[in-house]
Amino acid sequence: MNKSLIAMFTIAALSGCSSPQTEQADKTAPVTAEKTQHPSQGVYELYFTNATKFENSAQLLSQQITNKCLSDPQEAKAQWSETMQTWMYLQGGNINVPQADALTWKVQFWPDKKDTTGRQLKSVLSTNPDIGLPDLKNQSATLQGLTALEWLLYEPQLDQDRCSLATTVSASLVDTSVSYKQSLLTNPWKGLSQAQWEKQYLSLVSDKLDRMSKKLSLPLANLGNPRPYFAESCAHRSLITFIYRRVRELLHAENGLMTLLEAKDPRLSTLIASTLSDTIATWPKEDSLFESIQTKQGYKLALSQLNKIDQLKYLINEQAAQELGIVVGFNSTDGD
């Protein structure tokens, strides 16, 4: 009898120990994209994967700023650059997911034509650099994302106040990245018909191209009179290259434009792919747009790239859309 009781208590004790571990394992299990048979599945999984990368990168950035902002600022800056790269794959126009679309300005406030970010950050630094996260979230979107962190981190003399505020801003960015990913836990386009999806998909591509065009046209301004401070980022050297790659990912996604066109107009499909590849290959890998357009040669190169983007926009928005029987609507990416 005693042996039986001991056995029962042993089993109960072991069960009691294992249950929390099982629950914890369930909580930490990786969240995966919803599986559907919808033609948008390939593009949806691409967005979900990139949202996951952005979330992970934002968390690392917050850790680096919290631990190394003053002791090793280069590490924090390097992670800021990495996080900006992951955001490149998500930015540009609306994706017709209200929760995600509403968060984009909190991640990156650009174009910032009036230096709103700088003015508001200076105000907070002078009055309340140790602002708490709940209070920061009640402030303007300009104070809560990558644009604000660039302004805070890329200063010759980092001090305790800047690092304290950057720590809070990075925590806000983490929360935003989590919310962005959560908005994509289910495929937002699975209810669309084939025709509706093709129109939505081409709109996604078109918005990316519009974003690319704006990245160049705003700082280039008038011939011979560039505005380098209108460049998307003064600190990052290869943002244009990353959004080119994002467009290429979209075009070559499962059931993407290349697949749709291949059956109807393989010549046009090849032309679009080669034009995009040539544009990526000829973009300088070392010079930042901010620096290069201040020289005559750099300005000419950027202008040449802008012309190539316009060619891509024509091939996709006009020829490809006509081939597929789609009218691409206008989507503004400028909220300033």
C-alpha atoms as a PDB file:
ATOM      1  CA  MET A   1       0.000   0.000   0.000  1.00  0.00           C
ATOM      2  CA  ASN A   2       2.810   2.384   0.920  1.00  0.00           C
ATOM      3  CA  LYS A   3       4.596   1.568  -2.319  1.00  0.00           C
ATOM      4  CA  SER A   4       1.443   2.345  -4.280  1.00  0.00           C
ATOM      5  CA  LEU A   5       1.027   5.682  -2.531  1.00  0.00           C
ATOM      6  CA  ILE A   6       4.663   6.546  -3.144  1.00  0.00           C
ATOM      7  CA  ALA A   7       4.263   5.697  -6.825  1.00  0.00           C
ATOM      8  CA  MET A   8       1.138   7.847  -7.094  1.00  0.00           C
ATOM      9  CA  PHE A   9       2.813  10.818  -5.428  1.00  0.00           C
ATOM     10  CA  THR A  10       5.879  10.384  -7.628  1.00  0.00           C
ATOM     11  CA  ILE A  11       3.782  10.450 -10.808  1.00  0.00           C
ATOM     12  CA  ALA A  12       1.851  13.481  -9.559  1.00  0.00           C
ATOM     13  CA  ALA A  13       5.056  15.300  -8.684  1.00  0.00           C
ATOM     14  CA  LEU A  14       6.617  14.568 -12.051  1.00  0.00           C
ATOM     15  CA  SER A  15       3.454  15.695 -13.822  1.00  0.00           C
ATOM     16  CA  GLY A  16       3.425  18.884 -11.790  1.00  0.00           C
ATOM     17  CA  CYS A  17       6.995  19.621 -12.806  1.00  0.00           C
ATOM     18  CA  SER A  18       6.495  18.888 -16.485  1.00  0.00           C
ATOM     19  CA  SER A  19       3.289  20.832 -17.066  1.00  0.00           C
ATOM     20  CA  PRO A  20       4.756  24.332 -16.729  1.00  0.00           C
ATOM     21  CA  GLN A  21       7.610  23.322 -19.022  1.00  0.00           C
ATOM     22  CA  THR A  22       5.128  22.173 -21.627  1.00  0.00           C
ATOM     23  CA  GLU A  23       3.168  25.407 -21.316  1.00  0.00           C
ATOM     24  CA  GLN A  24       6.369  27.415 -21.606  1.00  0.00           C
ATOM     25  CA  ALA A  25       7.381  25.475 -24.698  1.00  0.00           C
ATOM     26  CA  ASP A  26       4.017  26.249 -26.262  1.00  0.00           C
ATOM     27  CA  LYS A  27       4.405  29.952 -25.495  1.00  0.00           C
ATOM     28  CA  THR A  28       7.857  30.125 -27.009  1.00  0.00           C
ATOM     29  CA  ALA A  29       7.058  28.007 -30.054  1.00  0.00           C
ATOM     30  CA  PRO A  30       7.746  29.973 -33.253  1.00  0.00           C
ATOM     31  CA  VAL A  31       4.720  31.608 -34.837  1.00  0.00           C
ATOM     32  CA  THR A  32       4.340  30.619 -38.468  1.00  0.00           C
ATOM     33  CA  ALA A  33       2.472  32.078 -41.395  1.00  0.00           C
ATOM     34  CA  GLU A  34      -1.053  30.885 -42.057  1.00  0.00           C
ATOM     35  CA  LYS A  35      -1.231  28.199 -44.736  1.00  0.00           C
ATOM     36  CA  THR A  36      -3.792  28.698 -47.486  1.00  0.00           C
ATOM     37  CA  GLN A  37      -4.283  27.655 -51.094  1.00  0.00           C
ATOM     38  CA  HIS A  38      -4.887  31.239 -52.189  1.00  0.00           C
ATOM     39  CA  PRO A  39      -2.764  32.574 -55.084  1.00  0.00           C
ATOM     40  CA  SER A  40      -1.477  35.297 -52.750  1.00  0.00           C
ATOM     41  CA  GLN A  41       0.150  32.735 -50.443  1.00  0.00           C
ATOM     42  CA  GLY A  42       3.683  33.200 -51.804  1.00  0.00           C
ATOM     43  CA  VAL A  43       3.600  36.978 -51.433  1.00  0.00           C
ATOM     44  CA  TYR A  44       1.919  36.715 -48.021  1.00  0.00           C
ATOM     45  CA  GLU A  45       4.626  34.364 -46.731  1.00  0.00           C
ATOM     46  CA  LEU A  46       7.247  36.781 -48.046  1.00  0.00           C
ATOM     47  CA  TYR A  47       5.713  39.617 -46.032  1.00  0.00           C
ATOM     48  CA  PHE A  48       5.353  37.448 -42.936  1.00  0.00           C
ATOM     49  CA  THR A  49       8.971  36.277 -43.125  1.00  0.00           C
ATOM     50  CA  ASN A  50      10.224  39.836 -43.503  1.00  0.00           C
ATOM     51  CA  ALA A  51       8.000  41.029 -40.642  1.00  0.00           C
ATOM     52  CA  THR A  52       9.563  38.326 -38.446  1.00  0.00           C
ATOM     53  CA  LYS A  53      13.068  39.441 -39.429  1.00  0.00           C
ATOM     54  CA  PHE A  54      12.145  43.033 -38.649  1.00  0.00           C
ATOM     55  CA  GLU A  55      10.785  42.072 -35.230  1.00  0.00           C
ATOM     56  CA  ASN A  56      13.921  40.077 -34.363  1.00  0.00           C
ATOM     57  CA  SER A  57      16.207  42.856 -35.569  1.00  0.00           C
ATOM     58  CA  ALA A  58      14.307  45.511 -33.599  1.00  0.00           C
ATOM     59  CA  GLN A  59      14.692  43.435 -30.437  1.00  0.00           C
ATOM     60  CA  LEU A  60      18.449  43.133 -30.999  1.00  0.00           C
ATOM     61  CA  LEU A  61      18.657  46.868 -31.617  1.00  0.00           C
ATOM     62  CA  SER A  62      16.905  47.593 -28.334  1.00  0.00           C
ATOM     63  CA  GLN A  63      19.335  45.301 -26.512  1.00  0.00           C
ATOM     64  CA  GLN A  64      22.386  46.929 -28.122  1.00  0.00           C
ATOM     65  CA  ILE A  65      21.200  50.438 -27.296  1.00  0.00           C
ATOM     66  CA  THR A  66      20.314  49.491 -23.725  1.00  0.00           C
ATOM     67  CA  ASN A  67      23.654  47.785 -23.086  1.00  0.00           C
ATOM     68  CA  LYS A  68      26.166  49.548 -25.351  1.00  0.00           C
ATOM     69  CA  CYS A  69      24.922  52.987 -26.343  1.00  0.00           C
ATOM     70  CA  LEU A  70      27.704  54.739 -24.430  1.00  0.00           C
ATOM     71  CA  SER A  71      30.282  51.971 -24.022  1.00  0.00           C
ATOM     72  CA  ASP A  72      30.283  50.760 -27.654  1.00  0.00           C
ATOM     73  CA  PRO A  73      28.119  53.041 -29.824  1.00  0.00           C
ATOM     74  CA  GLN A  74      29.408  51.480 -33.047  1.00  0.00           C
ATOM     75  CA  GLU A  75      27.679  48.224 -32.124  1.00  0.00           C
ATOM     76  CA  ALA A  76      24.408  50.071 -31.632  1.00  0.00           C
ATOM     77  CA  LYS A  77      24.841  51.903 -34.946  1.00  0.00           C
ATOM     78  CA  ALA A  78      25.629  48.676 -36.774  1.00  0.00           C
ATOM     79  CA  GLN A  79      22.440  47.106 -35.451  1.00  0.00           C
ATOM     80  CA  TRP A  80      20.455  50.221 -36.379  1.00  0.00           C
ATOM     81  CA  SER A  81      21.724  49.772 -39.938  1.00  0.00           C
ATOM     82  CA  GLU A  82      20.739  46.099 -39.894  1.00  0.00           C
ATOM     83  CA  THR A  83      17.261  46.935 -38.609  1.00  0.00           C
ATOM     84  CA  MET A  84      16.852  49.594 -41.281  1.00  0.00           C
ATOM     85  CA  GLN A  85      17.701  46.982 -43.898  1.00  0.00           C
ATOM     86  CA  THR A  86      15.017  44.629 -42.613  1.00  0.00           C
ATOM     87  CA  TRP A  87      12.489  47.470 -42.703  1.00  0.00           C
ATOM     88  CA  MET A  88      13.354  48.134 -46.358  1.00  0.00           C
ATOM     89  CA  TYR A  89      11.588  44.901 -47.255  1.00  0.00           C
ATOM     90  CA  LEU A  90       8.328  46.126 -45.714  1.00  0.00           C
ATOM     91  CA  GLN A  91       8.203  49.846 -46.417  1.00  0.00           C
ATOM     92  CA  GLY A  92       6.569  51.613 -49.318  1.00  0.00           C
ATOM     93  CA  GLY A  93       2.875  52.291 -49.711  1.00  0.00           C
ATOM     94  CA  ASN A  94      -0.126  50.583 -48.201  1.00  0.00           C
ATOM     95  CA  ILE A  95      -0.538  46.808 -48.203  1.00  0.00           C
ATOM     96  CA  ASN A  96      -4.278  47.091 -47.542  1.00  0.00           C
ATOM     97  CA  VAL A  97      -3.871  45.787 -43.988  1.00  0.00           C
ATOM     98  CA  PRO A  98      -5.167  48.654 -41.798  1.00  0.00           C
ATOM     99  CA  GLN A  99      -3.275  47.706 -38.630  1.00  0.00           C
ATOM    100  CA  ALA A 100       0.049  47.363 -40.464  1.00  0.00           C
ATOM    101  CA  ASP A 101      -0.471  50.441 -42.623  1.00  0.00           C
ATOM    102  CA  ALA A 102      -1.213  52.563 -39.556  1.00  0.00           C
ATOM    103  CA  LEU A 103       2.138  51.605 -38.004  1.00  0.00           C
ATOM    104  CA  THR A 104       4.447  52.564 -40.865  1.00  0.00           C
ATOM    105  CA  TRP A 105       4.888  56.192 -39.832  1.00  0.00           C
ATOM    106  CA  LYS A 106       5.809  55.087 -36.300  1.00  0.00           C
ATOM    107  CA  VAL A 107       8.623  53.016 -37.760  1.00  0.00           C
ATOM    108  CA  GLN A 108       9.969  55.598 -40.189  1.00  0.00           C
ATOM    109  CA  PHE A 109       8.970  59.247 -40.527  1.00  0.00           C
ATOM    110  CA  TRP A 110      10.052  60.081 -44.060  1.00  0.00           C
ATOM    111  CA  PRO A 111      10.040  62.319 -45.966  1.00  0.00           C
ATOM    112  CA  ASP A 112      10.638  64.735 -43.119  1.00  0.00           C
ATOM    113  CA  LYS A 113      10.716  67.929 -45.163  1.00  0.00           C
ATOM    114  CA  LYS A 114      10.495  70.257 -42.158  1.00  0.00           C
ATOM    115  CA  ASP A 115      12.909  68.420 -39.828  1.00  0.00           C
ATOM    116  CA  THR A 116       9.984  67.645 -37.557  1.00  0.00           C
ATOM    117  CA  THR A 117      11.864  64.725 -36.001  1.00  0.00           C
ATOM    118  CA  GLY A 118      14.882  66.816 -35.064  1.00  0.00           C
ATOM    119  CA  ARG A 119      12.858  69.664 -33.607  1.00  0.00           C
ATOM    120  CA  GLN A 120      10.681  67.399 -31.480  1.00  0.00           C
ATOM    121  CA  LEU A 121      13.599  65.304 -30.232  1.00  0.00           C
ATOM    122  CA  LYS A 122      15.488  68.437 -29.207  1.00  0.00           C
ATOM    123  CA  SER A 123      12.447  69.506 -27.238  1.00  0.00           C
ATOM    124  CA  VAL A 124      12.203  66.171 -25.392  1.00  0.00           C
ATOM    125  CA  LEU A 125      15.954  66.111 -24.708  1.00  0.00           C
ATOM    126  CA  SER A 126      15.774  69.543 -23.132  1.00  0.00           C
ATOM    127  CA  THR A 127      12.717  68.819 -20.989  1.00  0.00           C
ATOM    128  CA  ASN A 128      12.420  65.086 -20.277  1.00  0.00           C
ATOM    129  CA  PRO A 129      15.188  62.826 -21.681  1.00  0.00           C
ATOM    130  CA  ASP A 130      14.231  60.071 -19.222  1.00  0.00           C
ATOM    131  CA  ILE A 131      10.658  59.934 -20.495  1.00  0.00           C
ATOM    132  CA  GLY A 132       8.944  56.611 -19.804  1.00  0.00           C
ATOM    133  CA  LEU A 133       7.625  54.309 -22.496  1.00  0.00           C
ATOM    134  CA  PRO A 134       3.893  54.914 -21.807  1.00  0.00           C
ATOM    135  CA  ASP A 135       4.404  58.683 -22.037  1.00  0.00           C
ATOM    136  CA  LEU A 136       6.508  58.384 -25.191  1.00  0.00           C
ATOM    137  CA  LYS A 137       3.781  56.363 -26.884  1.00  0.00           C
ATOM    138  CA  ASN A 138       1.410  59.268 -26.323  1.00  0.00           C
ATOM    139  CA  GLN A 139       3.782  61.547 -28.217  1.00  0.00           C
ATOM    140  CA  SER A 140       4.121  62.087 -31.963  1.00  0.00           C
ATOM    141  CA  ALA A 141       5.001  59.167 -34.250  1.00  0.00           C
ATOM    142  CA  THR A 142       8.163  61.052 -35.190  1.00  0.00           C
ATOM    143  CA  LEU A 143       9.653  60.199 -31.782  1.00  0.00           C
ATOM    144  CA  GLN A 144       9.128  56.451 -31.866  1.00  0.00           C
ATOM    145  CA  GLY A 145      10.981  54.794 -34.719  1.00  0.00           C
ATOM    146  CA  LEU A 146      14.099  54.317 -36.802  1.00  0.00           C
ATOM    147  CA  THR A 147      14.223  57.938 -37.951  1.00  0.00           C
ATOM    148  CA  ALA A 148      14.348  59.157 -34.354  1.00  0.00           C
ATOM    149  CA  LEU A 149      17.004  56.590 -33.459  1.00  0.00           C
ATOM    150  CA  GLU A 150      19.203  57.657 -36.367  1.00  0.00           C
ATOM    151  CA  TRP A 151      18.991  61.263 -35.189  1.00  0.00           C
ATOM    152  CA  LEU A 152      19.890  60.246 -31.626  1.00  0.00           C
ATOM    153  CA  LEU A 153      22.671  57.754 -32.378  1.00  0.00           C
ATOM    154  CA  TYR A 154      24.547  59.363 -35.246  1.00  0.00           C
ATOM    155  CA  GLU A 155      25.969  62.313 -33.366  1.00  0.00           C
ATOM    156  CA  PRO A 156      29.714  62.842 -32.822  1.00  0.00           C
ATOM    157  CA  GLN A 157      29.194  63.189 -29.078  1.00  0.00           C
ATOM    158  CA  LEU A 158      26.726  60.735 -27.589  1.00  0.00           C
ATOM    159  CA  ASP A 159      25.757  61.569 -24.023  1.00  0.00           C
ATOM    160  CA  GLN A 160      23.658  59.991 -21.283  1.00  0.00           C
ATOM    161  CA  ASP A 161      20.526  61.953 -22.174  1.00  0.00           C
ATOM    162  CA  ARG A 162      20.600  60.844 -25.814  1.00  0.00           C
ATOM    163  CA  CYS A 163      21.200  57.236 -24.833  1.00  0.00           C
ATOM    164  CA  SER A 164      18.442  57.311 -22.244  1.00  0.00           C
ATOM    165  CA  LEU A 165      15.939  58.619 -24.778  1.00  0.00           C
ATOM    166  CA  ALA A 166      17.221  56.200 -27.448  1.00  0.00           C
ATOM    167  CA  THR A 167      16.628  53.298 -25.055  1.00  0.00           C
ATOM    168  CA  THR A 168      12.982  54.281 -24.656  1.00  0.00           C
ATOM    169  CA  VAL A 169      12.528  54.907 -28.378  1.00  0.00           C
ATOM    170  CA  SER A 170      13.994  51.487 -29.207  1.00  0.00           C
ATOM    171  CA  ALA A 171      11.569  49.844 -26.764  1.00  0.00           C
ATOM    172  CA  SER A 172       8.695  51.560 -28.552  1.00  0.00           C
ATOM    173  CA  LEU A 173      10.054  50.309 -31.877  1.00  0.00           C
ATOM    174  CA  VAL A 174      10.063  46.740 -30.543  1.00  0.00           C
ATOM    175  CA  ASP A 175       6.395  47.029 -29.591  1.00  0.00           C
ATOM    176  CA  THR A 176       5.594  48.414 -33.035  1.00  0.00           C
ATOM    177  CA  SER A 177       7.451  45.568 -34.758  1.00  0.00           C
ATOM    178  CA  VAL A 178       5.525  43.016 -32.689  1.00  0.00           C
ATOM    179  CA  SER A 179       2.208  44.652 -33.589  1.00  0.00           C
ATOM    180  CA  TYR A 180       3.181  44.739 -37.260  1.00  0.00           C
ATOM    181  CA  LYS A 181       3.909  41.031 -37.310  1.00  0.00           C
ATOM    182  CA  GLN A 182       0.706  40.245 -35.415  1.00  0.00           C
ATOM    183  CA  SER A 183      -1.274  42.015 -38.121  1.00  0.00           C
ATOM    184  CA  LEU A 184       0.012  39.386 -40.552  1.00  0.00           C
ATOM    185  CA  LEU A 185      -0.705  36.247 -38.533  1.00  0.00           C
ATOM    186  CA  THR A 186      -3.410  35.462 -41.086  1.00  0.00           C
ATOM    187  CA  ASN A 187      -3.276  36.031 -44.830  1.00  0.00           C
ATOM    188  CA  PRO A 188      -5.010  39.412 -45.307  1.00  0.00           C
ATOM    189  CA  TRP A 189      -5.662  38.779 -49.004  1.00  0.00           C
ATOM    190  CA  LYS A 190      -7.153  35.285 -48.860  1.00  0.00           C
ATOM    191  CA  GLY A 191     -10.684  36.622 -49.368  1.00  0.00           C
ATOM    192  CA  LEU A 192      -9.862  38.282 -52.690  1.00  0.00           C
ATOM    193  CA  SER A 193     -10.829  36.808 -56.030  1.00  0.00           C
ATOM    194  CA  GLN A 194      -8.074  36.044 -58.544  1.00  0.00           C
ATOM    195  CA  ALA A 195      -8.728  39.321 -60.379  1.00  0.00           C
ATOM    196  CA  GLN A 196      -8.865  41.313 -57.134  1.00  0.00           C
ATOM    197  CA  TRP A 197      -5.635  39.741 -55.922  1.00  0.00           C
ATOM    198  CA  GLU A 198      -3.793  40.482 -59.165  1.00  0.00           C
ATOM    199  CA  LYS A 199      -4.823  44.132 -58.864  1.00  0.00           C
ATOM    200  CA  GLN A 200      -3.749  44.246 -55.203  1.00  0.00           C
ATOM    201  CA  TYR A 201      -0.470  42.537 -56.020  1.00  0.00           C
ATOM    202  CA  LEU A 202       0.389  44.903 -58.863  1.00  0.00           C
ATOM    203  CA  SER A 203      -0.466  47.790 -56.546  1.00  0.00           C
ATOM    204  CA  LEU A 204       2.099  46.460 -54.036  1.00  0.00           C
ATOM    205  CA  VAL A 205       4.776  46.404 -56.722  1.00  0.00           C
ATOM    206  CA  SER A 206       3.755  49.828 -58.025  1.00  0.00           C
ATOM    207  CA  ASP A 207       3.952  51.339 -54.542  1.00  0.00           C
ATOM    208  CA  LYS A 208       7.466  49.955 -54.102  1.00  0.00           C
ATOM    209  CA  LEU A 209       8.534  51.580 -57.356  1.00  0.00           C
ATOM    210  CA  ASP A 210       6.927  54.868 -56.334  1.00  0.00           C
ATOM    211  CA  ARG A 211       8.880  54.714 -53.088  1.00  0.00           C
ATOM    212  CA  MET A 212      12.113  54.089 -54.967  1.00  0.00           C
ATOM    213  CA  SER A 213      11.395  57.004 -57.275  1.00  0.00           C
ATOM    214  CA  LYS A 214      10.728  59.305 -54.334  1.00  0.00           C
ATOM    215  CA  LYS A 215      13.953  58.218 -52.610  1.00  0.00           C
ATOM    216  CA  LEU A 216      15.830  59.702 -55.565  1.00  0.00           C
ATOM    217  CA  SER A 217      13.616  62.499 -56.870  1.00  0.00           C
ATOM    218  CA  LEU A 218      13.274  64.332 -53.533  1.00  0.00           C
ATOM    219  CA  PRO A 219      17.010  64.769 -52.823  1.00  0.00           C
ATOM    220  CA  LEU A 220      17.833  65.338 -56.506  1.00  0.00           C
ATOM    221  CA  ALA A 221      15.295  68.190 -56.682  1.00  0.00           C
ATOM    222  CA  ASN A 222      16.128  70.565 -59.545  1.00  0.00           C
ATOM    223  CA  LEU A 223      18.999  69.966 -61.948  1.00  0.00           C
ATOM    224  CA  GLY A 224      22.204  71.191 -60.356  1.00  0.00           C
ATOM    225  CA  ASN A 225      20.524  72.012 -57.041  1.00  0.00           C
ATOM    226  CA  PRO A 226      20.348  68.806 -55.008  1.00  0.00           C
ATOM    227  CA  ARG A 227      18.867  68.634 -51.515  1.00  0.00           C
ATOM    228  CA  PRO A 228      20.978  65.899 -49.879  1.00  0.00           C
ATOM    229  CA  TYR A 229      19.227  66.274 -46.525  1.00  0.00           C
ATOM    230  CA  PHE A 230      16.062  65.008 -48.195  1.00  0.00           C
ATOM    231  CA  ALA A 231      17.820  61.665 -48.678  1.00  0.00           C
ATOM    232  CA  GLU A 232      16.088  58.877 -46.797  1.00  0.00           C
ATOM    233  CA  SER A 233      19.037  58.307 -44.508  1.00  0.00           C
ATOM    234  CA  CYS A 234      22.296  60.173 -44.115  1.00  0.00           C
ATOM    235  CA  ALA A 235      23.870  57.268 -42.235  1.00  0.00           C
ATOM    236  CA  HIS A 236      23.034  54.250 -44.374  1.00  0.00           C
ATOM    237  CA  ARG A 237      24.952  53.678 -47.599  1.00  0.00           C
ATOM    238  CA  SER A 238      22.893  51.093 -49.439  1.00  0.00           C
ATOM    239  CA  LEU A 239      19.189  51.623 -48.765  1.00  0.00           C
ATOM    240  CA  ILE A 240      18.339  51.945 -52.450  1.00  0.00           C
ATOM    241  CA  THR A 241      19.925  48.577 -53.183  1.00  0.00           C
ATOM    242  CA  PHE A 242      17.819  46.883 -50.533  1.00  0.00           C
ATOM    243  CA  ILE A 243      14.511  48.184 -51.821  1.00  0.00           C
ATOM    244  CA  TYR A 244      15.533  47.111 -55.345  1.00  0.00           C
ATOM    245  CA  ARG A 245      15.964  43.620 -53.963  1.00  0.00           C
ATOM    246  CA  ARG A 246      12.582  43.897 -52.279  1.00  0.00           C
ATOM    247  CA  VAL A 247      10.954  44.637 -55.632  1.00  0.00           C
ATOM    248  CA  ARG A 248      12.783  41.700 -57.186  1.00  0.00           C
ATOM    249  CA  GLU A 249      11.516  39.435 -54.399  1.00  0.00           C
ATOM    250  CA  LEU A 250       7.958  40.571 -55.072  1.00  0.00           C
ATOM    251  CA  LEU A 251       8.265  40.049 -58.815  1.00  0.00           C
ATOM    252  CA  HIS A 252       9.683  36.544 -58.445  1.00  0.00           C
ATOM    253  CA  ALA A 253       7.443  35.400 -55.578  1.00  0.00           C
ATOM    254  CA  GLU A 254       5.320  32.292 -56.048  1.00  0.00           C
ATOM    255  CA  ASN A 255       2.532  33.177 -58.507  1.00  0.00           C
ATOM    256  CA  GLY A 256       4.137  36.617 -58.855  1.00  0.00           C
ATOM    257  CA  LEU A 257       4.361  38.904 -61.863  1.00  0.00           C
ATOM    258  CA  MET A 258       7.084  36.910 -63.579  1.00  0.00           C
ATOM    259  CA  THR A 259       4.929  33.788 -63.399  1.00  0.00           C
ATOM    260  CA  LEU A 260       1.798  35.613 -64.548  1.00  0.00           C
ATOM    261  CA  LEU A 261       3.581  37.242 -67.485  1.00  0.00           C
ATOM    262  CA  GLU A 262       5.574  34.208 -68.559  1.00  0.00           C
ATOM    263  CA  ALA A 263       2.456  32.550 -69.928  1.00  0.00           C
ATOM    264  CA  LYS A 264       1.165  35.682 -71.671  1.00  0.00           C
ATOM    265  CA  ASP A 265       4.211  37.687 -72.745  1.00  0.00           C
ATOM    266  CA  PRO A 266       7.569  36.042 -72.032  1.00  0.00           C
ATOM    267  CA  ARG A 267       9.387  38.837 -73.881  1.00  0.00           C
ATOM    268  CA  LEU A 268       8.006  41.448 -71.473  1.00  0.00           C
ATOM    269  CA  SER A 269       8.769  39.215 -68.498  1.00  0.00           C
ATOM    270  CA  THR A 270      12.400  38.928 -69.603  1.00  0.00           C
ATOM    271  CA  LEU A 271      12.656  42.667 -70.265  1.00  0.00           C
ATOM    272  CA  ILE A 272      11.385  43.569 -66.792  1.00  0.00           C
ATOM    273  CA  ALA A 273      13.743  41.093 -65.108  1.00  0.00           C
ATOM    274  CA  SER A 274      16.784  42.294 -67.071  1.00  0.00           C
ATOM    275  CA  THR A 275      15.977  45.980 -66.503  1.00  0.00           C
ATOM    276  CA  LEU A 276      15.714  45.429 -62.765  1.00  0.00           C
ATOM    277  CA  SER A 277      18.913  43.357 -62.648  1.00  0.00           C
ATOM    278  CA  ASP A 278      20.814  46.018 -64.585  1.00  0.00           C
ATOM    279  CA  THR A 279      19.535  48.727 -62.260  1.00  0.00           C
ATOM    280  CA  ILE A 280      20.693  46.808 -59.191  1.00  0.00           C
ATOM    281  CA  ALA A 281      24.074  45.983 -60.732  1.00  0.00           C
ATOM    282  CA  THR A 282      24.870  49.597 -61.638  1.00  0.00           C
ATOM    283  CA  TRP A 283      23.978  51.135 -58.278  1.00  0.00           C
ATOM    284  CA  PRO A 284      27.167  51.994 -56.317  1.00  0.00           C
ATOM    285  CA  LYS A 285      27.650  49.777 -53.298  1.00  0.00           C
ATOM    286  CA  GLU A 286      29.913  52.081 -51.280  1.00  0.00           C
ATOM    287  CA  ASP A 287      28.715  55.669 -51.672  1.00  0.00           C
ATOM    288  CA  SER A 288      25.624  56.902 -49.859  1.00  0.00           C
ATOM    289  CA  LEU A 289      23.080  58.910 -51.799  1.00  0.00           C
ATOM    290  CA  PHE A 290      23.533  61.724 -49.276  1.00  0.00           C
ATOM    291  CA  GLU A 291      27.214  62.014 -50.153  1.00  0.00           C
ATOM    292  CA  SER A 292      27.201  61.149 -53.846  1.00  0.00           C
ATOM    293  CA  ILE A 293      24.635  63.655 -55.139  1.00  0.00           C
ATOM    294  CA  GLN A 294      26.736  66.510 -53.786  1.00  0.00           C
ATOM    295  CA  THR A 295      29.203  65.799 -56.609  1.00  0.00           C
ATOM    296  CA  LYS A 296      28.538  66.289 -60.310  1.00  0.00           C
ATOM    297  CA  GLN A 297      29.334  62.666 -61.167  1.00  0.00           C
ATOM    298  CA  GLY A 298      27.246  61.326 -58.304  1.00  0.00           C
ATOM    299  CA  TYR A 299      24.305  63.520 -59.262  1.00  0.00           C
ATOM    300  CA  LYS A 300      24.418  62.241 -62.858  1.00  0.00           C
ATOM    301  CA  LEU A 301      24.550  58.643 -61.663  1.00  0.00           C
ATOM    302  CA  ALA A 302      21.555  59.130 -59.371  1.00  0.00           C
ATOM    303  CA  LEU A 303      19.636  60.820 -62.186  1.00  0.00           C
ATOM    304  CA  SER A 304      20.425  57.852 -64.433  1.00  0.00           C
ATOM    305  CA  GLN A 305      19.078  55.509 -61.759  1.00  0.00           C
ATOM    306  CA  LEU A 306      15.899  57.569 -61.505  1.00  0.00           C
ATOM    307  CA  ASN A 307      15.403  57.193 -65.252  1.00  0.00           C
ATOM    308  CA  LYS A 308      15.781  53.419 -64.914  1.00  0.00           C
ATOM    309  CA  ILE A 309      13.160  53.371 -62.176  1.00  0.00           C
ATOM    310  CA  ASP A 310      10.815  55.339 -64.425  1.00  0.00           C
ATOM    311  CA  GLN A 311      11.423  52.747 -67.137  1.00  0.00           C
ATOM    312  CA  LEU A 312      10.555  49.954 -64.695  1.00  0.00           C
ATOM    313  CA  LYS A 313       7.412  51.800 -63.638  1.00  0.00           C
ATOM    314  CA  TYR A 314       6.355  52.106 -67.267  1.00  0.00           C
ATOM    315  CA  LEU A 315       7.012  48.439 -68.020  1.00  0.00           C
ATOM    316  CA  ILE A 316       5.066  47.266 -64.960  1.00  0.00           C
ATOM    317  CA  ASN A 317       2.347  49.901 -64.485  1.00  0.00           C
ATOM    318  CA  GLU A 318       1.547  50.257 -68.169  1.00  0.00           C
ATOM    319  CA  GLN A 319       2.642  47.283 -70.265  1.00  0.00           C
ATOM    320  CA  ALA A 320       2.369  44.493 -67.683  1.00  0.00           C
ATOM    321  CA  ALA A 321      -0.868  45.891 -66.264  1.00  0.00           C
ATOM    322  CA  GLN A 322      -2.371  46.123 -69.741  1.00  0.00           C
ATOM    323  CA  GLU A 323      -1.287  42.583 -70.539  1.00  0.00           C
ATOM    324  CA  LEU A 324      -3.016  41.356 -67.378  1.00  0.00           C
ATOM    325  CA  GLY A 325      -6.062  43.584 -67.823  1.00  0.00           C
ATOM    326  CA  ILE A 326      -5.409  45.572 -64.646  1.00  0.00           C
ATOM    327  CA  VAL A 327      -5.760  49.283 -63.963  1.00  0.00           C
ATOM    328  CA  VAL A 328      -3.229  50.336 -61.322  1.00  0.00           C
ATOM    329  CA  GLY A 329      -4.658  52.940 -58.959  1.00  0.00           C
ATOM    330  CA  PHE A 330      -2.809  55.818 -57.333  1.00  0.00           C
ATOM    331  CA  ASN A 331      -1.431  55.289 -53.829  1.00  0.00           C
ATOM    332  CA  SER A 332       0.347  58.148 -52.110  1.00  0.00           C
ATOM    333  CA  THR A 333       3.297  57.256 -49.897  1.00  0.00           C
ATOM    334  CA  ASP A 334       3.865  60.849 -48.819  1.00  0.00           C
ATOM    335  CA  GLY A 335       2.169  61.721 -45.567  1.00  0.00           C
ATOM    336  CA  ASP A 336       4.253  64.778 -44.786  1.00  0.00           C
END
